[in-house]
Amino acid sequence: MWAVILYILLRSLGHVRITDAEIRVIRAFDPYSTAYVLLRIVNAIVPVVLRVSAYALFPMILLWIAAATVGRGATLKALLGDGTAIRWNALAGVNVLRVLALLLAALAFVGSSVLVGRLFRGQPDLIGVAILLSLGIDLLIGCVWSMLNWFLTLAPIFIVRDGVGIFDAFSASLGLFHERSGPYMGVAVLLGLVRLALIVIVSVASIIPLGMIGNFPARGIIAVSVVLALVYWVLMDAVQIWRIAAYVSLAQYEPEPPVMERPVLDPVVPGPDVNAAESPQNPGTSF
């Protein structure tokens, strides 16, 4: 994927010409003029992106499905035990659904933008309303996709553990959230904060190579950037495996059966022995 993106950038550079006047407009932070310049740059890049995507998108999707299937199967096999049987076709099917969900979300983003644009066409005074409406629809689409992708991401746990099919595993993933919603959300929030902290730290650290421009050779700057990227990816993968392990523990958790306490009986106090009271050694009182 990164090779394809780099190729697109290199090919696109030859199609974009930015004049000195446009550079001055961008530096002046004029929102309308800057938007026009950026739109012209995007229009110059889009043909290259579409041309490369037509050839590279489908092979990249197949490679991702294969890598995600093998990687998730190996990770879950290590977490659940070596004796676990893996249904590779079900794992691949879940990843196919994740790709389809992402493509549908992308189409929904584009379609909603087109519809909002047509709805407010010829009404420049309502540009702010159009932007807010488009952002609200995009936020809704993103939330729906994120939730669907989340449950599909955890579905392989049940495929590997129970040997069930795709839709049964998806149903079990929903059931795990329903049964243990408190710990479920606790893991999501905790590891989400960890990932956010990593993003902030690496983003701040990525300023270091930018400050080295002009003072150090280009190879050194590229090397520092590559090292930062590798460290970030390794830490993110570690957090991802930590998250999977946490949800495996939630799925494997079985509450202990309640212990039945033996009832405490009142002590039996023996009554007076009438026969002993009337014996000669202990004569009783007669009336």
C-alpha atoms as a PDB file:
ATOM      1  CA  MET A   1       0.000   0.000   0.000  1.00  0.00           C
ATOM      2  CA  TRP A   2       2.767   2.416   0.887  1.00  0.00           C
ATOM      3  CA  ALA A   3       4.549   1.570  -2.385  1.00  0.00           C
ATOM      4  CA  VAL A   4       1.370   2.383  -4.323  1.00  0.00           C
ATOM      5  CA  ILE A   5       0.901   5.668  -2.432  1.00  0.00           C
ATOM      6  CA  LEU A   6       4.533   6.634  -3.066  1.00  0.00           C
ATOM      7  CA  TYR A   7       4.106   5.841  -6.758  1.00  0.00           C
ATOM      8  CA  ILE A   8       0.971   7.984  -6.926  1.00  0.00           C
ATOM      9  CA  LEU A   9       2.761  10.894  -5.258  1.00  0.00           C
ATOM     10  CA  LEU A  10       5.767  10.674  -7.567  1.00  0.00           C
ATOM     11  CA  ARG A  11       3.595  10.454 -10.675  1.00  0.00           C
ATOM     12  CA  SER A  12       1.350  13.262  -9.465  1.00  0.00           C
ATOM     13  CA  LEU A  13       4.199  15.696  -8.892  1.00  0.00           C
ATOM     14  CA  GLY A  14       4.706  15.975 -12.627  1.00  0.00           C
ATOM     15  CA  HIS A  15       1.073  16.968 -13.164  1.00  0.00           C
ATOM     16  CA  VAL A  16       0.901  19.743 -10.567  1.00  0.00           C
ATOM     17  CA  ARG A  17       2.239  23.235 -11.200  1.00  0.00           C
ATOM     18  CA  ILE A  18       1.921  25.759  -8.375  1.00  0.00           C
ATOM     19  CA  THR A  19       2.654  29.358  -9.286  1.00  0.00           C
ATOM     20  CA  ASP A  20       4.258  31.931  -7.032  1.00  0.00           C
ATOM     21  CA  ALA A  21       0.930  33.751  -6.763  1.00  0.00           C
ATOM     22  CA  GLU A  22      -0.784  30.586  -5.514  1.00  0.00           C
ATOM     23  CA  ILE A  23       1.954  30.050  -2.937  1.00  0.00           C
ATOM     24  CA  ARG A  24       1.399  33.611  -1.682  1.00  0.00           C
ATOM     25  CA  VAL A  25      -2.351  32.926  -1.474  1.00  0.00           C
ATOM     26  CA  ILE A  26      -1.767  29.795   0.619  1.00  0.00           C
ATOM     27  CA  ARG A  27       0.596  31.659   2.946  1.00  0.00           C
ATOM     28  CA  ALA A  28      -1.978  34.445   3.368  1.00  0.00           C
ATOM     29  CA  PHE A  29      -4.470  31.897   4.821  1.00  0.00           C
ATOM     30  CA  ASP A  30      -7.322  33.160   2.648  1.00  0.00           C
ATOM     31  CA  PRO A  31      -9.833  30.287   3.050  1.00  0.00           C
ATOM     32  CA  TYR A  32     -11.664  30.732  -0.268  1.00  0.00           C
ATOM     33  CA  SER A  33      -8.563  31.254  -2.427  1.00  0.00           C
ATOM     34  CA  THR A  34      -6.702  28.449  -0.636  1.00  0.00           C
ATOM     35  CA  ALA A  35      -9.641  26.109  -1.179  1.00  0.00           C
ATOM     36  CA  TYR A  36      -9.587  26.952  -4.888  1.00  0.00           C
ATOM     37  CA  VAL A  37      -5.847  26.189  -5.138  1.00  0.00           C
ATOM     38  CA  LEU A  38      -6.215  22.911  -3.248  1.00  0.00           C
ATOM     39  CA  LEU A  39      -9.166  21.940  -5.447  1.00  0.00           C
ATOM     40  CA  ARG A  40      -7.059  22.512  -8.546  1.00  0.00           C
ATOM     41  CA  ILE A  41      -4.277  20.344  -7.078  1.00  0.00           C
ATOM     42  CA  VAL A  42      -6.745  17.585  -6.243  1.00  0.00           C
ATOM     43  CA  ASN A  43      -8.195  17.720  -9.765  1.00  0.00           C
ATOM     44  CA  ALA A  44      -4.684  17.226 -11.133  1.00  0.00           C
ATOM     45  CA  ILE A  45      -3.990  14.256  -8.855  1.00  0.00           C
ATOM     46  CA  VAL A  46      -7.335  12.442  -9.141  1.00  0.00           C
ATOM     47  CA  PRO A  47      -6.743  11.046 -12.671  1.00  0.00           C
ATOM     48  CA  VAL A  48      -3.462   9.487 -11.552  1.00  0.00           C
ATOM     49  CA  VAL A  49      -5.096   8.038  -8.418  1.00  0.00           C
ATOM     50  CA  LEU A  50      -7.954   6.527 -10.420  1.00  0.00           C
ATOM     51  CA  ARG A  51      -5.603   5.111 -13.044  1.00  0.00           C
ATOM     52  CA  VAL A  52      -3.341   3.451 -10.462  1.00  0.00           C
ATOM     53  CA  SER A  53      -6.266   2.270  -8.324  1.00  0.00           C
ATOM     54  CA  ALA A  54      -7.837   0.536 -11.292  1.00  0.00           C
ATOM     55  CA  TYR A  55      -4.806  -1.756 -11.437  1.00  0.00           C
ATOM     56  CA  ALA A  56      -3.632  -1.904  -7.824  1.00  0.00           C
ATOM     57  CA  LEU A  57      -6.776  -1.777  -5.662  1.00  0.00           C
ATOM     58  CA  PHE A  58      -8.054  -5.312  -6.250  1.00  0.00           C
ATOM     59  CA  PRO A  59      -4.637  -7.018  -5.754  1.00  0.00           C
ATOM     60  CA  MET A  60      -4.082  -4.965  -2.572  1.00  0.00           C
ATOM     61  CA  ILE A  61      -7.484  -6.065  -1.238  1.00  0.00           C
ATOM     62  CA  LEU A  62      -6.648  -9.725  -1.899  1.00  0.00           C
ATOM     63  CA  LEU A  63      -3.243  -9.382  -0.226  1.00  0.00           C
ATOM     64  CA  TRP A  64      -4.806  -7.687   2.799  1.00  0.00           C
ATOM     65  CA  ILE A  65      -7.473 -10.392   3.164  1.00  0.00           C
ATOM     66  CA  ALA A  66      -4.809 -13.120   2.992  1.00  0.00           C
ATOM     67  CA  ALA A  67      -2.509 -11.370   5.474  1.00  0.00           C
ATOM     68  CA  ALA A  68      -5.343 -10.535   7.901  1.00  0.00           C
ATOM     69  CA  THR A  69      -6.696 -14.087   7.766  1.00  0.00           C
ATOM     70  CA  VAL A  70      -3.360 -15.812   8.398  1.00  0.00           C
ATOM     71  CA  GLY A  71      -2.270 -13.275  11.011  1.00  0.00           C
ATOM     72  CA  ARG A  72      -5.509 -13.373  12.987  1.00  0.00           C
ATOM     73  CA  GLY A  73      -5.643 -17.172  12.825  1.00  0.00           C
ATOM     74  CA  ALA A  74      -2.076 -17.500  14.128  1.00  0.00           C
ATOM     75  CA  THR A  75      -2.667 -14.967  16.911  1.00  0.00           C
ATOM     76  CA  LEU A  76      -5.880 -16.610  18.115  1.00  0.00           C
ATOM     77  CA  LYS A  77      -4.363 -20.077  17.912  1.00  0.00           C
ATOM     78  CA  ALA A  78      -1.571 -18.909  20.227  1.00  0.00           C
ATOM     79  CA  LEU A  79      -4.069 -17.330  22.624  1.00  0.00           C
ATOM     80  CA  LEU A  80      -6.635 -20.150  22.673  1.00  0.00           C
ATOM     81  CA  GLY A  81      -4.288 -23.150  22.574  1.00  0.00           C
ATOM     82  CA  ASP A  82      -2.548 -25.336  20.012  1.00  0.00           C
ATOM     83  CA  GLY A  83      -5.373 -27.856  19.920  1.00  0.00           C
ATOM     84  CA  THR A  84      -7.769 -25.315  18.435  1.00  0.00           C
ATOM     85  CA  ALA A  85      -9.073 -26.073  14.912  1.00  0.00           C
ATOM     86  CA  ILE A  86      -9.241 -23.097  12.555  1.00  0.00           C
ATOM     87  CA  ARG A  87     -11.898 -22.647   9.877  1.00  0.00           C
ATOM     88  CA  TRP A  88      -9.860 -20.639   7.406  1.00  0.00           C
ATOM     89  CA  ASN A  89     -12.777 -20.107   5.026  1.00  0.00           C
ATOM     90  CA  ALA A  90     -14.848 -18.494   7.792  1.00  0.00           C
ATOM     91  CA  LEU A  91     -11.922 -16.272   8.822  1.00  0.00           C
ATOM     92  CA  ALA A  92     -11.431 -15.168   5.220  1.00  0.00           C
ATOM     93  CA  GLY A  93     -15.182 -14.546   4.905  1.00  0.00           C
ATOM     94  CA  VAL A  94     -15.152 -12.210   7.917  1.00  0.00           C
ATOM     95  CA  ASN A  95     -12.302 -10.208   6.387  1.00  0.00           C
ATOM     96  CA  VAL A  96     -14.167 -10.040   3.069  1.00  0.00           C
ATOM     97  CA  LEU A  97     -17.141  -8.568   4.950  1.00  0.00           C
ATOM     98  CA  ARG A  98     -14.837  -6.014   6.576  1.00  0.00           C
ATOM     99  CA  VAL A  99     -13.568  -4.932   3.150  1.00  0.00           C
ATOM    100  CA  LEU A 100     -17.105  -4.708   1.785  1.00  0.00           C
ATOM    101  CA  ALA A 101     -18.184  -2.629   4.793  1.00  0.00           C
ATOM    102  CA  LEU A 102     -15.271  -0.236   4.193  1.00  0.00           C
ATOM    103  CA  LEU A 103     -16.071   0.104   0.486  1.00  0.00           C
ATOM    104  CA  LEU A 104     -19.756   0.719   1.241  1.00  0.00           C
ATOM    105  CA  ALA A 105     -18.792   3.373   3.794  1.00  0.00           C
ATOM    106  CA  ALA A 106     -16.555   5.075   1.209  1.00  0.00           C
ATOM    107  CA  LEU A 107     -19.385   5.025  -1.340  1.00  0.00           C
ATOM    108  CA  ALA A 108     -21.748   6.432   1.299  1.00  0.00           C
ATOM    109  CA  PHE A 109     -19.284   9.272   2.021  1.00  0.00           C
ATOM    110  CA  VAL A 110     -19.061  10.177  -1.668  1.00  0.00           C
ATOM    111  CA  GLY A 111     -22.794   9.757  -2.274  1.00  0.00           C
ATOM    112  CA  SER A 112     -23.794  11.909   0.690  1.00  0.00           C
ATOM    113  CA  SER A 113     -21.405  14.667  -0.408  1.00  0.00           C
ATOM    114  CA  VAL A 114     -22.862  14.612  -3.925  1.00  0.00           C
ATOM    115  CA  LEU A 115     -26.443  14.705  -2.621  1.00  0.00           C
ATOM    116  CA  VAL A 116     -25.726  17.589  -0.226  1.00  0.00           C
ATOM    117  CA  GLY A 117     -23.964  19.470  -3.013  1.00  0.00           C
ATOM    118  CA  ARG A 118     -26.960  19.099  -5.315  1.00  0.00           C
ATOM    119  CA  LEU A 119     -29.361  20.034  -2.539  1.00  0.00           C
ATOM    120  CA  PHE A 120     -27.616  23.364  -1.912  1.00  0.00           C
ATOM    121  CA  ARG A 121     -26.570  24.075  -5.493  1.00  0.00           C
ATOM    122  CA  GLY A 122     -26.876  27.742  -6.372  1.00  0.00           C
ATOM    123  CA  GLN A 123     -27.236  28.808  -2.726  1.00  0.00           C
ATOM    124  CA  PRO A 124     -23.847  30.229  -1.680  1.00  0.00           C
ATOM    125  CA  ASP A 125     -25.370  31.843   1.402  1.00  0.00           C
ATOM    126  CA  LEU A 126     -26.080  28.384   2.846  1.00  0.00           C
ATOM    127  CA  ILE A 127     -22.570  27.018   2.385  1.00  0.00           C
ATOM    128  CA  GLY A 128     -22.108  26.781   6.170  1.00  0.00           C
ATOM    129  CA  VAL A 129     -25.315  24.791   6.565  1.00  0.00           C
ATOM    130  CA  ALA A 130     -24.247  22.488   3.730  1.00  0.00           C
ATOM    131  CA  ILE A 131     -20.880  21.852   5.355  1.00  0.00           C
ATOM    132  CA  LEU A 132     -22.438  21.113   8.761  1.00  0.00           C
ATOM    133  CA  LEU A 133     -25.011  18.784   7.216  1.00  0.00           C
ATOM    134  CA  SER A 134     -22.347  16.954   5.240  1.00  0.00           C
ATOM    135  CA  LEU A 135     -20.148  16.575   8.332  1.00  0.00           C
ATOM    136  CA  GLY A 136     -23.097  15.285  10.367  1.00  0.00           C
ATOM    137  CA  ILE A 137     -23.956  12.661   7.739  1.00  0.00           C
ATOM    138  CA  ASP A 138     -20.292  11.653   7.448  1.00  0.00           C
ATOM    139  CA  LEU A 139     -20.073  11.315  11.241  1.00  0.00           C
ATOM    140  CA  LEU A 140     -23.137   9.069  11.255  1.00  0.00           C
ATOM    141  CA  ILE A 141     -21.728   6.912   8.453  1.00  0.00           C
ATOM    142  CA  GLY A 142     -18.393   6.681  10.251  1.00  0.00           C
ATOM    143  CA  CYS A 143     -20.042   5.591  13.528  1.00  0.00           C
ATOM    144  CA  VAL A 144     -22.111   2.889  11.811  1.00  0.00           C
ATOM    145  CA  TRP A 145     -19.082   1.576   9.925  1.00  0.00           C
ATOM    146  CA  SER A 146     -16.905   1.660  13.048  1.00  0.00           C
ATOM    147  CA  MET A 147     -19.405  -0.365  15.086  1.00  0.00           C
ATOM    148  CA  LEU A 148     -19.906  -2.928  12.311  1.00  0.00           C
ATOM    149  CA  ASN A 149     -16.155  -3.266  11.749  1.00  0.00           C
ATOM    150  CA  TRP A 150     -15.602  -3.594  15.518  1.00  0.00           C
ATOM    151  CA  PHE A 151     -17.925  -6.575  15.895  1.00  0.00           C
ATOM    152  CA  LEU A 152     -16.542  -8.168  12.724  1.00  0.00           C
ATOM    153  CA  THR A 153     -13.021  -7.725  14.107  1.00  0.00           C
ATOM    154  CA  LEU A 154     -13.910  -9.738  17.238  1.00  0.00           C
ATOM    155  CA  ALA A 155     -15.928 -12.390  15.384  1.00  0.00           C
ATOM    156  CA  PRO A 156     -12.818 -14.530  14.583  1.00  0.00           C
ATOM    157  CA  ILE A 157     -12.470 -15.251  18.317  1.00  0.00           C
ATOM    158  CA  PHE A 158     -15.606 -17.389  18.164  1.00  0.00           C
ATOM    159  CA  ILE A 159     -14.736 -18.888  14.770  1.00  0.00           C
ATOM    160  CA  VAL A 160     -11.454 -20.231  16.141  1.00  0.00           C
ATOM    161  CA  ARG A 161     -12.752 -21.122  19.604  1.00  0.00           C
ATOM    162  CA  ASP A 162     -16.119 -22.685  18.719  1.00  0.00           C
ATOM    163  CA  GLY A 163     -15.668 -23.591  15.042  1.00  0.00           C
ATOM    164  CA  VAL A 164     -18.843 -21.702  14.039  1.00  0.00           C
ATOM    165  CA  GLY A 165     -19.642 -19.955  10.771  1.00  0.00           C
ATOM    166  CA  ILE A 166     -19.426 -16.295   9.860  1.00  0.00           C
ATOM    167  CA  PHE A 167     -22.869 -15.134  10.924  1.00  0.00           C
ATOM    168  CA  ASP A 168     -22.945 -17.245  14.099  1.00  0.00           C
ATOM    169  CA  ALA A 169     -19.593 -15.725  15.057  1.00  0.00           C
ATOM    170  CA  PHE A 170     -20.925 -12.223  14.380  1.00  0.00           C
ATOM    171  CA  SER A 171     -23.967 -12.982  16.539  1.00  0.00           C
ATOM    172  CA  ALA A 172     -21.692 -14.288  19.313  1.00  0.00           C
ATOM    173  CA  SER A 173     -19.624 -11.095  19.054  1.00  0.00           C
ATOM    174  CA  LEU A 174     -22.780  -9.049  19.607  1.00  0.00           C
ATOM    175  CA  GLY A 175     -23.746 -11.350  22.470  1.00  0.00           C
ATOM    176  CA  LEU A 176     -20.417 -10.775  24.212  1.00  0.00           C
ATOM    177  CA  PHE A 177     -21.109  -7.039  24.250  1.00  0.00           C
ATOM    178  CA  HIS A 178     -24.636  -7.629  25.555  1.00  0.00           C
ATOM    179  CA  GLU A 179     -23.547 -10.018  28.323  1.00  0.00           C
ATOM    180  CA  ARG A 180     -20.448  -8.189  29.571  1.00  0.00           C
ATOM    181  CA  SER A 181     -20.969  -4.610  28.456  1.00  0.00           C
ATOM    182  CA  GLY A 182     -19.138  -3.084  31.453  1.00  0.00           C
ATOM    183  CA  PRO A 183     -15.759  -4.857  31.065  1.00  0.00           C
ATOM    184  CA  TYR A 184     -16.238  -4.740  27.270  1.00  0.00           C
ATOM    185  CA  MET A 185     -16.411  -0.952  27.210  1.00  0.00           C
ATOM    186  CA  GLY A 186     -13.695  -0.702  29.852  1.00  0.00           C
ATOM    187  CA  VAL A 187     -11.221  -2.534  27.604  1.00  0.00           C
ATOM    188  CA  ALA A 188     -12.258  -0.434  24.604  1.00  0.00           C
ATOM    189  CA  VAL A 189     -11.828   2.874  26.451  1.00  0.00           C
ATOM    190  CA  LEU A 190      -8.541   1.924  28.128  1.00  0.00           C
ATOM    191  CA  LEU A 191      -6.823   0.665  24.992  1.00  0.00           C
ATOM    192  CA  GLY A 192      -8.355   3.492  22.968  1.00  0.00           C
ATOM    193  CA  LEU A 193      -6.656   5.965  25.307  1.00  0.00           C
ATOM    194  CA  VAL A 194      -3.381   4.053  24.957  1.00  0.00           C
ATOM    195  CA  ARG A 195      -3.612   4.235  21.160  1.00  0.00           C
ATOM    196  CA  LEU A 196      -4.463   7.935  21.323  1.00  0.00           C
ATOM    197  CA  ALA A 197      -1.443   8.561  23.549  1.00  0.00           C
ATOM    198  CA  LEU A 198       0.804   6.729  21.075  1.00  0.00           C
ATOM    199  CA  ILE A 199      -0.579   8.784  18.201  1.00  0.00           C
ATOM    200  CA  VAL A 200       0.085  12.043  20.089  1.00  0.00           C
ATOM    201  CA  ILE A 201       3.607  11.014  21.118  1.00  0.00           C
ATOM    202  CA  VAL A 202       4.606   9.887  17.627  1.00  0.00           C
ATOM    203  CA  SER A 203       3.010  12.965  16.061  1.00  0.00           C
ATOM    204  CA  VAL A 204       5.072  15.212  18.313  1.00  0.00           C
ATOM    205  CA  ALA A 205       8.202  13.138  17.658  1.00  0.00           C
ATOM    206  CA  SER A 206       7.634  13.367  13.899  1.00  0.00           C
ATOM    207  CA  ILE A 207       8.386  17.100  14.121  1.00  0.00           C
ATOM    208  CA  ILE A 208      12.053  16.189  14.744  1.00  0.00           C
ATOM    209  CA  PRO A 209      12.748  15.158  11.132  1.00  0.00           C
ATOM    210  CA  LEU A 210      11.039  18.343   9.905  1.00  0.00           C
ATOM    211  CA  GLY A 211      13.404  20.426  12.013  1.00  0.00           C
ATOM    212  CA  MET A 212      16.360  18.568  10.529  1.00  0.00           C
ATOM    213  CA  ILE A 213      15.579  19.706   6.976  1.00  0.00           C
ATOM    214  CA  GLY A 214      18.366  21.934   5.690  1.00  0.00           C
ATOM    215  CA  ASN A 215      20.781  20.994   8.462  1.00  0.00           C
ATOM    216  CA  PHE A 216      21.219  17.274   7.822  1.00  0.00           C
ATOM    217  CA  PRO A 217      21.450  15.152   4.670  1.00  0.00           C
ATOM    218  CA  ALA A 218      18.247  13.801   3.203  1.00  0.00           C
ATOM    219  CA  ARG A 219      19.214  10.183   3.876  1.00  0.00           C
ATOM    220  CA  GLY A 220      19.515  10.837   7.596  1.00  0.00           C
ATOM    221  CA  ILE A 221      16.120  12.544   7.699  1.00  0.00           C
ATOM    222  CA  ILE A 222      14.508   9.652   5.808  1.00  0.00           C
ATOM    223  CA  ALA A 223      16.182   7.139   8.145  1.00  0.00           C
ATOM    224  CA  VAL A 224      14.853   8.923  11.251  1.00  0.00           C
ATOM    225  CA  SER A 225      11.363   9.064   9.731  1.00  0.00           C
ATOM    226  CA  VAL A 226      11.449   5.344   8.876  1.00  0.00           C
ATOM    227  CA  VAL A 227      12.585   4.433  12.399  1.00  0.00           C
ATOM    228  CA  LEU A 228       9.781   6.501  13.939  1.00  0.00           C
ATOM    229  CA  ALA A 229       7.244   4.850  11.629  1.00  0.00           C
ATOM    230  CA  LEU A 230       8.497   1.352  12.482  1.00  0.00           C
ATOM    231  CA  VAL A 231       8.408   2.054  16.228  1.00  0.00           C
ATOM    232  CA  TYR A 232       4.866   3.393  15.894  1.00  0.00           C
ATOM    233  CA  TRP A 233       3.666   0.352  13.944  1.00  0.00           C
ATOM    234  CA  VAL A 234       5.286  -2.101  16.356  1.00  0.00           C
ATOM    235  CA  LEU A 235       3.677  -0.421  19.359  1.00  0.00           C
ATOM    236  CA  MET A 236       0.300  -0.257  17.619  1.00  0.00           C
ATOM    237  CA  ASP A 237       0.500  -3.957  16.773  1.00  0.00           C
ATOM    238  CA  ALA A 238       1.355  -4.728  20.394  1.00  0.00           C
ATOM    239  CA  VAL A 239      -1.707  -2.766  21.549  1.00  0.00           C
ATOM    240  CA  GLN A 240      -3.828  -4.578  18.962  1.00  0.00           C
ATOM    241  CA  ILE A 241      -2.708  -8.004  20.232  1.00  0.00           C
ATOM    242  CA  TRP A 242      -3.272  -6.808  23.800  1.00  0.00           C
ATOM    243  CA  ARG A 243      -6.829  -5.847  22.851  1.00  0.00           C
ATOM    244  CA  ILE A 244      -7.498  -9.217  21.208  1.00  0.00           C
ATOM    245  CA  ALA A 245      -6.125 -11.027  24.267  1.00  0.00           C
ATOM    246  CA  ALA A 246      -8.361  -8.959  26.548  1.00  0.00           C
ATOM    247  CA  TYR A 247     -11.487  -9.865  24.578  1.00  0.00           C
ATOM    248  CA  VAL A 248     -10.436 -13.505  24.423  1.00  0.00           C
ATOM    249  CA  SER A 249     -10.307 -13.410  28.224  1.00  0.00           C
ATOM    250  CA  LEU A 250     -13.792 -11.877  28.332  1.00  0.00           C
ATOM    251  CA  ALA A 251     -15.121 -14.521  25.962  1.00  0.00           C
ATOM    252  CA  GLN A 252     -13.498 -17.318  28.007  1.00  0.00           C
ATOM    253  CA  TYR A 253     -14.687 -15.974  31.348  1.00  0.00           C
ATOM    254  CA  GLU A 254     -17.137 -18.187  33.177  1.00  0.00           C
ATOM    255  CA  PRO A 255     -18.514 -16.996  36.509  1.00  0.00           C
ATOM    256  CA  GLU A 256     -18.142 -19.429  39.366  1.00  0.00           C
ATOM    257  CA  PRO A 257     -21.384 -21.076  40.461  1.00  0.00           C
ATOM    258  CA  PRO A 258     -22.780 -19.652  43.692  1.00  0.00           C
ATOM    259  CA  VAL A 259     -21.811 -21.584  46.807  1.00  0.00           C
ATOM    260  CA  MET A 260     -24.849 -22.801  48.750  1.00  0.00           C
ATOM    261  CA  GLU A 261     -24.335 -22.080  52.410  1.00  0.00           C
ATOM    262  CA  ARG A 262     -25.540 -24.728  54.844  1.00  0.00           C
ATOM    263  CA  PRO A 263     -28.373 -23.390  56.966  1.00  0.00           C
ATOM    264  CA  VAL A 264     -27.501 -22.750  60.580  1.00  0.00           C
ATOM    265  CA  LEU A 265     -29.964 -24.623  62.791  1.00  0.00           C
ATOM    266  CA  ASP A 266     -30.924 -23.439  66.257  1.00  0.00           C
ATOM    267  CA  PRO A 267     -29.328 -25.598  68.955  1.00  0.00           C
ATOM    268  CA  VAL A 268     -31.744 -28.092  70.531  1.00  0.00           C
ATOM    269  CA  VAL A 269     -31.973 -27.510  74.280  1.00  0.00           C
ATOM    270  CA  PRO A 270     -33.014 -30.756  76.037  1.00  0.00           C
ATOM    271  CA  GLY A 271     -36.007 -30.462  78.346  1.00  0.00           C
ATOM    272  CA  PRO A 272     -36.112 -31.629  81.966  1.00  0.00           C
ATOM    273  CA  ASP A 273     -36.021 -35.384  82.546  1.00  0.00           C
ATOM    274  CA  VAL A 274     -39.275 -36.188  84.382  1.00  0.00           C
ATOM    275  CA  ASN A 275     -38.242 -39.714  85.328  1.00  0.00           C
ATOM    276  CA  ALA A 276     -35.009 -38.506  86.809  1.00  0.00           C
ATOM    277  CA  ALA A 277     -36.874 -35.894  88.813  1.00  0.00           C
ATOM    278  CA  GLU A 278     -39.066 -38.588  90.461  1.00  0.00           C
ATOM    279  CA  SER A 279     -36.265 -41.052  91.218  1.00  0.00           C
ATOM    280  CA  PRO A 280     -35.425 -41.840  94.891  1.00  0.00           C
ATOM    281  CA  GLN A 281     -32.040 -40.185  94.617  1.00  0.00           C
ATOM    282  CA  ASN A 282     -33.717 -36.987  93.518  1.00  0.00           C
ATOM    283  CA  PRO A 283     -37.253 -37.006  94.842  1.00  0.00           C
ATOM    284  CA  GLY A 284     -39.581 -34.680  93.153  1.00  0.00           C
ATOM    285  CA  THR A 285     -42.231 -32.506  94.655  1.00  0.00           C
ATOM    286  CA  SER A 286     -45.630 -34.056  94.871  1.00  0.00           C
ATOM    287  CA  PHE A 287     -48.844 -32.157  95.072  1.00  0.00           C
END
